[in-house]
Amino acid sequence: MKLQRHPSPVLLPDPTSDWECYNVFNPAVIYHNGLWHMWYRAQGLDWVSRIGYAVSADGLHWNRLRRPVLEPHDGTDSRGVEDPRVVVLDGVFYMTYTAYGRVYQGAGKPTHAGGGITPMIARSTNGITWEPVSAIVRGEDNKDHVLFPRKIRGRYAALHRRWPNVWLAYSDDLVTWRPEDMYPVYGPRREDPDAWDRKSVGSNGVPIETPEGWLLINHGYDEGHVYKFGVVLLDLEDPTRVLRRPKSAIFWPEELWELRGDVPNVVFSCANPVVDGVVYVYYGGGDHVIGLATCRLDDLLAFALSG
């Protein structure tokens, strides 16, 4: 099983822009009301990450706003807002994103040199104007968080990365995330010397609901620090239960714009919408451009069950 790569990037930096002239990468993408909507991370002259918005009729050719839709607003995110993932719940857009700031909020010392990393949630009724809702945790290096597309047993649910493991968190209102409602799900395969994900793992896009379970595309790397994608299948009503986790990766850097870029050997995805039975995996290549890879949902699920 291997994702089919689109032959060229679908979005490039804009050299005429002050805030997205260097890098565009790691987008959230959904298909909603007949259009493709993209929220992407961008870096410009000050190297601070902001989130831009683009819209498309075909998922390949994009028209983007001239100014970002989410950018730093205080010391908690002064160094950037990063890696959005978007889901629609009850007709409202919810974005999970990482706030990286010089101000640290939490007990003890910062886990990240010089400041804090906070896994945030924001909401919007139109996809353009966003307001912060909550943080899943504070005071720890925690990211790669993504909301499930529906409630599970009457509660909101999210995956997050309490390194080195992926965790599941529940909330009644998307505002309060209690430590006692958080559970480890899976981690790096450190016992396998040949595993592609033996050093670090994290979640990609929104979990895909199938009759067999929640289908996840995830990422990881080994000591060589080459990012690759894999597949995990979780139980529908108890996502702490890993049903299947094939050993083989399904995607990895091969093109020059993935092998080099601003950060070499990186493919990193925050989006895998399913449209007409096809999984569209949008990803950052080399932390510099945005690429696309696809596969049939039936093929991906069959691989998850038997790979």
Protein backbone atom coordinates (compact mmCIF):
# COMPACT_ATOMS: atom_id res chain seq x y z
CA MET A 1 0.00 0.00 0.00
CA LYS A 2 1.32 3.41 -0.99
CA LEU A 3 -0.33 6.77 -1.47
CA GLN A 4 -0.32 8.11 -5.03
CA ARG A 5 1.55 11.42 -5.14
CA HIS A 6 0.30 14.34 -7.24
CA PRO A 7 3.20 15.23 -9.57
CA SER A 8 3.74 18.79 -8.32
CA PRO A 9 2.93 20.95 -5.29
CA VAL A 10 -0.57 22.44 -5.16
CA LEU A 11 0.43 25.60 -3.25
CA LEU A 12 3.70 27.56 -3.24
CA PRO A 13 4.97 30.52 -1.21
CA ASP A 14 3.95 33.94 -2.53
CA PRO A 15 7.12 36.00 -3.14
CA THR A 16 5.08 39.22 -3.13
CA SER A 17 3.77 38.65 0.40
CA ASP A 18 5.38 39.76 3.63
CA TRP A 19 3.90 36.88 5.70
CA GLU A 20 3.97 33.88 3.29
CA CYS A 21 6.96 34.55 1.05
CA TYR A 22 9.21 31.82 2.50
CA ASN A 23 7.08 28.76 3.36
CA VAL A 24 3.52 27.45 3.08
CA PHE A 25 2.92 24.02 4.60
CA ASN A 26 0.95 21.68 6.92
CA PRO A 27 -2.59 22.65 5.88
CA ALA A 28 -6.01 21.69 7.18
CA VAL A 29 -8.41 20.92 4.33
CA ILE A 30 -12.11 20.06 4.32
CA TYR A 31 -14.72 19.67 1.59
CA HIS A 32 -17.78 21.68 2.62
CA ASN A 33 -20.84 22.91 0.68
CA GLY A 34 -19.34 21.93 -2.66
CA LEU A 35 -15.98 23.66 -2.20
CA TRP A 36 -12.54 22.75 -0.88
CA HIS A 37 -11.40 24.93 2.03
CA MET A 38 -7.77 25.13 3.14
CA TRP A 39 -6.19 26.68 6.23
CA TYR A 40 -2.43 26.57 5.92
CA ARG A 41 0.61 27.49 7.97
CA ALA A 42 2.84 30.16 6.44
CA GLN A 43 6.08 31.95 7.24
CA GLY A 44 7.35 35.24 5.87
CA LEU A 45 9.88 37.95 6.55
CA ASP A 46 9.73 37.69 10.35
CA TRP A 47 9.67 33.83 10.35
CA VAL A 48 6.59 33.86 12.58
CA SER A 49 3.97 31.26 11.61
CA ARG A 50 0.50 32.49 10.66
CA ILE A 51 -2.49 30.68 9.23
CA GLY A 52 -3.86 31.63 5.83
CA TYR A 53 -7.02 30.61 4.00
CA ALA A 54 -7.58 29.41 0.43
CA VAL A 55 -10.59 28.04 -1.45
CA SER A 56 -10.81 25.75 -4.47
CA ALA A 57 -13.42 24.26 -6.79
CA ASP A 58 -11.33 21.18 -7.61
CA GLY A 59 -8.87 20.70 -4.72
CA LEU A 60 -5.90 21.48 -6.98
CA HIS A 61 -6.13 25.15 -7.97
CA TRP A 62 -6.47 27.54 -5.05
CA ASN A 63 -7.47 31.16 -4.53
CA ARG A 64 -6.17 32.59 -1.26
CA LEU A 65 -6.87 35.61 0.87
CA ARG A 66 -4.21 38.29 0.90
CA ARG A 67 -4.03 38.42 4.71
CA PRO A 68 -3.93 35.63 7.32
CA VAL A 69 -7.07 34.54 9.15
CA LEU A 70 -5.27 33.61 12.38
CA GLU A 71 -2.07 35.17 13.72
CA PRO A 72 -0.34 35.79 17.06
CA HIS A 73 -2.16 38.09 19.47
CA ASP A 74 -0.18 37.98 22.75
CA GLY A 75 2.83 36.46 24.45
CA THR A 76 1.40 32.95 24.50
CA ASP A 77 1.58 32.64 20.69
CA SER A 78 4.03 35.42 19.78
CA ARG A 79 6.35 32.99 17.96
CA GLY A 80 3.62 31.52 15.82
CA VAL A 81 0.34 29.67 15.34
CA GLU A 82 1.06 26.35 13.70
CA ASP A 83 -0.29 23.17 12.07
CA PRO A 84 -4.08 23.68 11.89
CA ARG A 85 -6.57 20.83 11.73
CA VAL A 86 -10.23 21.71 11.07
CA VAL A 87 -13.48 19.81 11.64
CA VAL A 88 -17.15 20.83 11.46
CA LEU A 89 -19.22 20.03 14.56
CA ASP A 90 -22.89 21.00 14.74
CA GLY A 91 -22.44 23.44 11.85
CA VAL A 92 -19.48 25.23 13.45
CA PHE A 93 -15.85 25.14 12.30
CA TYR A 94 -13.37 24.09 14.99
CA MET A 95 -9.63 24.44 14.48
CA THR A 96 -6.97 22.78 16.59
CA TYR A 97 -3.61 24.52 16.31
CA THR A 98 -0.34 24.84 18.20
CA ALA A 99 0.43 28.15 19.89
CA TYR A 100 4.15 28.80 20.28
CA GLY A 101 5.01 31.77 22.47
CA ARG A 102 7.60 33.46 24.61
CA VAL A 103 5.24 33.36 27.62
CA TYR A 104 5.05 30.08 29.50
CA GLN A 105 1.83 29.07 31.26
CA GLY A 106 2.15 26.18 33.65
CA ALA A 107 3.73 24.85 36.82
CA GLY A 108 7.47 24.26 36.94
CA LYS A 109 9.87 25.04 34.13
CA PRO A 110 9.00 25.30 30.44
CA THR A 111 9.35 22.06 28.51
CA HIS A 112 10.46 23.99 25.42
CA ALA A 113 13.52 26.24 25.57
CA GLY A 114 12.64 29.88 25.90
CA GLY A 115 8.88 29.64 26.12
CA GLY A 116 5.75 27.56 25.89
CA ILE A 117 3.89 25.28 23.49
CA THR A 118 0.11 25.08 23.93
CA PRO A 119 -2.39 22.87 22.03
CA MET A 120 -5.26 25.30 21.34
CA ILE A 121 -8.81 25.08 19.98
CA ALA A 122 -10.55 27.92 18.12
CA ARG A 123 -14.04 28.23 16.63
CA SER A 124 -15.57 30.04 13.65
CA THR A 125 -18.98 30.26 12.02
CA ASN A 126 -17.59 31.31 8.64
CA GLY A 127 -14.08 29.84 8.44
CA ILE A 128 -12.50 33.28 8.28
CA THR A 129 -13.02 34.91 11.69
CA TRP A 130 -11.70 32.77 14.54
CA GLU A 131 -11.93 33.04 18.32
CA PRO A 132 -9.95 30.94 20.83
CA VAL A 133 -12.01 28.44 22.85
CA SER A 134 -9.60 26.57 25.11
CA ALA A 135 -6.31 24.74 25.53
CA ILE A 136 -6.33 20.95 25.89
CA VAL A 137 -3.36 21.17 28.29
CA ARG A 138 -0.94 23.84 29.44
CA GLY A 139 2.64 23.70 30.58
CA GLU A 140 3.89 20.78 28.53
CA ASP A 141 5.28 20.20 25.04
CA ASN A 142 2.03 18.83 23.63
CA LYS A 143 0.89 19.10 20.02
CA ASP A 144 -0.43 17.08 17.03
CA HIS A 145 -3.93 17.40 18.51
CA VAL A 146 -7.05 16.83 16.43
CA LEU A 147 -10.77 16.59 17.21
CA PHE A 148 -12.92 13.62 16.24
CA PRO A 149 -15.70 14.53 13.77
CA ARG A 150 -18.50 13.51 16.17
CA LYS A 151 -19.11 12.93 19.85
CA ILE A 152 -18.17 9.55 21.31
CA ARG A 153 -20.49 8.28 24.02
CA GLY A 154 -21.96 11.75 24.29
CA ARG A 155 -18.64 13.56 24.75
CA TYR A 156 -16.25 15.48 22.53
CA ALA A 157 -12.99 13.64 21.92
CA ALA A 158 -9.53 14.61 20.72
CA LEU A 159 -6.21 12.94 20.08
CA HIS A 160 -3.13 14.77 21.34
CA ARG A 161 0.57 13.99 21.62
CA ARG A 162 1.92 13.82 25.15
CA TRP A 163 5.37 12.79 23.99
CA PRO A 164 6.29 10.10 23.21
CA ASN A 165 2.75 8.71 23.11
CA VAL A 166 -0.52 9.62 21.40
CA TRP A 167 -3.28 10.21 23.97
CA LEU A 168 -7.07 10.44 23.90
CA ALA A 169 -8.90 13.23 25.75
CA TYR A 170 -12.59 13.74 26.46
CA SER A 171 -14.53 16.93 27.18
CA ASP A 172 -18.17 17.75 27.84
CA ASP A 173 -18.00 21.23 26.34
CA LEU A 174 -14.70 21.64 24.39
CA VAL A 175 -13.59 24.08 27.09
CA THR A 176 -12.68 21.90 30.07
CA TRP A 177 -10.26 19.03 29.45
CA ARG A 178 -9.62 17.24 32.75
CA PRO A 179 -6.44 15.19 33.30
CA GLU A 180 -8.50 12.28 34.61
CA ASP A 181 -10.28 12.11 31.23
CA MET A 182 -7.05 11.53 29.28
CA TYR A 183 -5.71 8.09 28.33
CA PRO A 184 -2.66 6.81 26.42
CA VAL A 185 -3.44 5.10 23.10
CA TYR A 186 -0.17 4.09 21.40
CA GLY A 187 3.47 5.12 21.12
CA PRO A 188 6.66 4.58 19.12
CA ARG A 189 7.58 0.97 18.31
CA ARG A 190 10.84 1.16 20.21
CA GLU A 191 11.12 -2.59 20.64
CA ASP A 192 11.42 -3.04 16.86
CA PRO A 193 14.90 -2.02 15.60
CA ASP A 194 13.61 -1.85 12.02
CA ALA A 195 10.45 0.19 12.67
CA TRP A 196 10.09 3.44 10.70
CA ASP A 197 8.31 4.99 13.71
CA ARG A 198 10.48 3.74 16.52
CA LYS A 199 11.45 7.20 17.87
CA SER A 200 8.37 9.44 17.56
CA VAL A 201 4.71 9.28 16.46
CA GLY A 202 1.86 11.76 16.09
CA SER A 203 -1.58 12.22 14.55
CA ASN A 204 -2.25 13.60 11.07
CA GLY A 205 -5.72 14.67 9.95
CA VAL A 206 -9.24 14.19 11.31
CA PRO A 207 -10.03 10.54 12.13
CA ILE A 208 -12.06 8.84 9.38
CA GLU A 209 -15.12 6.95 10.58
CA THR A 210 -15.61 3.56 8.92
CA PRO A 211 -17.76 0.53 9.84
CA GLU A 212 -14.57 -1.20 11.01
CA GLY A 213 -13.34 1.59 13.28
CA TRP A 214 -11.70 5.01 13.32
CA LEU A 215 -9.14 5.01 10.51
CA LEU A 216 -6.14 7.22 11.26
CA ILE A 217 -3.28 8.29 9.04
CA ASN A 218 -0.39 9.08 11.38
CA HIS A 219 3.25 10.11 11.11
CA GLY A 220 6.50 9.08 12.72
CA TYR A 221 10.22 8.74 12.29
CA ASP A 222 13.23 6.78 13.53
CA GLU A 223 16.75 7.93 14.45
CA GLY A 224 17.27 9.07 10.85
CA HIS A 225 14.52 11.67 11.32
CA VAL A 226 12.85 10.92 7.97
CA TYR A 227 9.12 11.54 8.34
CA LYS A 228 6.76 8.83 7.05
CA PHE A 229 3.02 8.10 7.20
CA GLY A 230 1.33 5.00 8.53
CA VAL A 231 -2.13 3.72 9.41
CA VAL A 232 -3.85 2.96 12.73
CA LEU A 233 -7.37 1.59 13.29
CA LEU A 234 -9.13 2.38 16.59
CA ASP A 235 -12.35 1.05 18.09
CA LEU A 236 -15.37 3.24 17.27
CA GLU A 237 -16.77 3.52 20.79
CA ASP A 238 -13.51 3.11 22.72
CA PRO A 239 -10.71 4.76 20.73
CA THR A 240 -8.14 3.78 23.37
CA ARG A 241 -8.38 0.29 21.83
CA VAL A 242 -5.97 -0.15 18.92
CA LEU A 243 -7.51 -2.73 16.60
CA ARG A 244 -4.88 -2.76 13.88
CA ARG A 245 -1.55 -1.03 13.24
CA PRO A 246 0.28 -2.28 10.13
CA LYS A 247 4.06 -2.20 10.30
CA SER A 248 4.63 -0.79 6.81
CA ALA A 249 4.64 2.92 6.03
CA ILE A 250 2.38 4.19 3.23
CA PHE A 251 4.19 7.43 2.26
CA TRP A 252 7.62 9.03 2.65
CA PRO A 253 9.78 11.79 1.11
CA GLU A 254 10.91 11.11 -2.46
CA GLU A 255 10.63 14.33 -4.44
CA LEU A 256 13.31 17.02 -4.28
CA TRP A 257 10.85 19.44 -2.64
CA GLU A 258 10.33 16.90 0.17
CA LEU A 259 13.93 15.75 0.56
CA ARG A 260 15.24 19.32 0.87
CA GLY A 261 13.09 22.38 1.52
CA ASP A 262 13.34 24.46 4.68
CA VAL A 263 13.54 21.28 6.79
CA PRO A 264 14.82 18.21 4.90
CA ASN A 265 13.19 14.78 4.69
CA VAL A 266 9.74 15.91 5.83
CA VAL A 267 6.24 15.05 4.71
CA PHE A 268 3.75 16.25 7.34
CA SER A 269 -0.02 16.11 6.99
CA CYS A 270 -2.87 17.72 8.93
CA ALA A 271 -5.64 16.79 6.48
CA ASN A 272 -7.15 13.67 4.93
CA PRO A 273 -10.72 14.51 3.77
CA VAL A 274 -12.69 11.79 2.00
CA VAL A 275 -14.66 12.80 -1.11
CA ASP A 276 -16.48 10.29 -3.33
CA GLY A 277 -14.58 7.38 -1.81
CA VAL A 278 -11.13 8.94 -2.29
CA VAL A 279 -8.84 10.00 0.56
CA TYR A 280 -7.08 13.29 -0.19
CA VAL A 281 -3.93 13.65 1.92
CA TYR A 282 -2.66 17.23 1.82
CA TYR A 283 0.79 17.64 3.34
CA GLY A 284 3.73 19.96 3.81
CA GLY A 285 6.80 19.00 1.79
CA GLY A 286 10.11 19.99 3.34
CA ASP A 287 8.26 22.57 5.49
CA HIS A 288 8.23 24.67 2.32
CA VAL A 289 5.37 23.78 -0.09
CA ILE A 290 2.03 21.94 -0.02
CA GLY A 291 1.62 18.63 -1.79
CA LEU A 292 -1.20 16.14 -2.33
CA ALA A 293 -1.36 12.34 -2.30
CA THR A 294 -4.45 10.17 -2.72
CA CYS A 295 -5.81 6.65 -2.42
CA ARG A 296 -9.15 4.85 -2.40
CA LEU A 297 -10.72 4.66 1.05
CA ASP A 298 -11.56 0.99 0.47
CA ASP A 299 -7.92 0.22 -0.29
CA LEU A 300 -6.68 2.08 2.78
CA LEU A 301 -9.14 0.31 5.06
CA ALA A 302 -8.28 -3.08 3.54
CA PHE A 303 -4.61 -2.38 4.22
CA ALA A 304 -5.38 -1.38 7.80
CA LEU A 305 -7.23 -4.65 8.35
CA SER A 306 -4.73 -6.99 6.66
CA GLY A 307 -1.42 -5.13 6.29
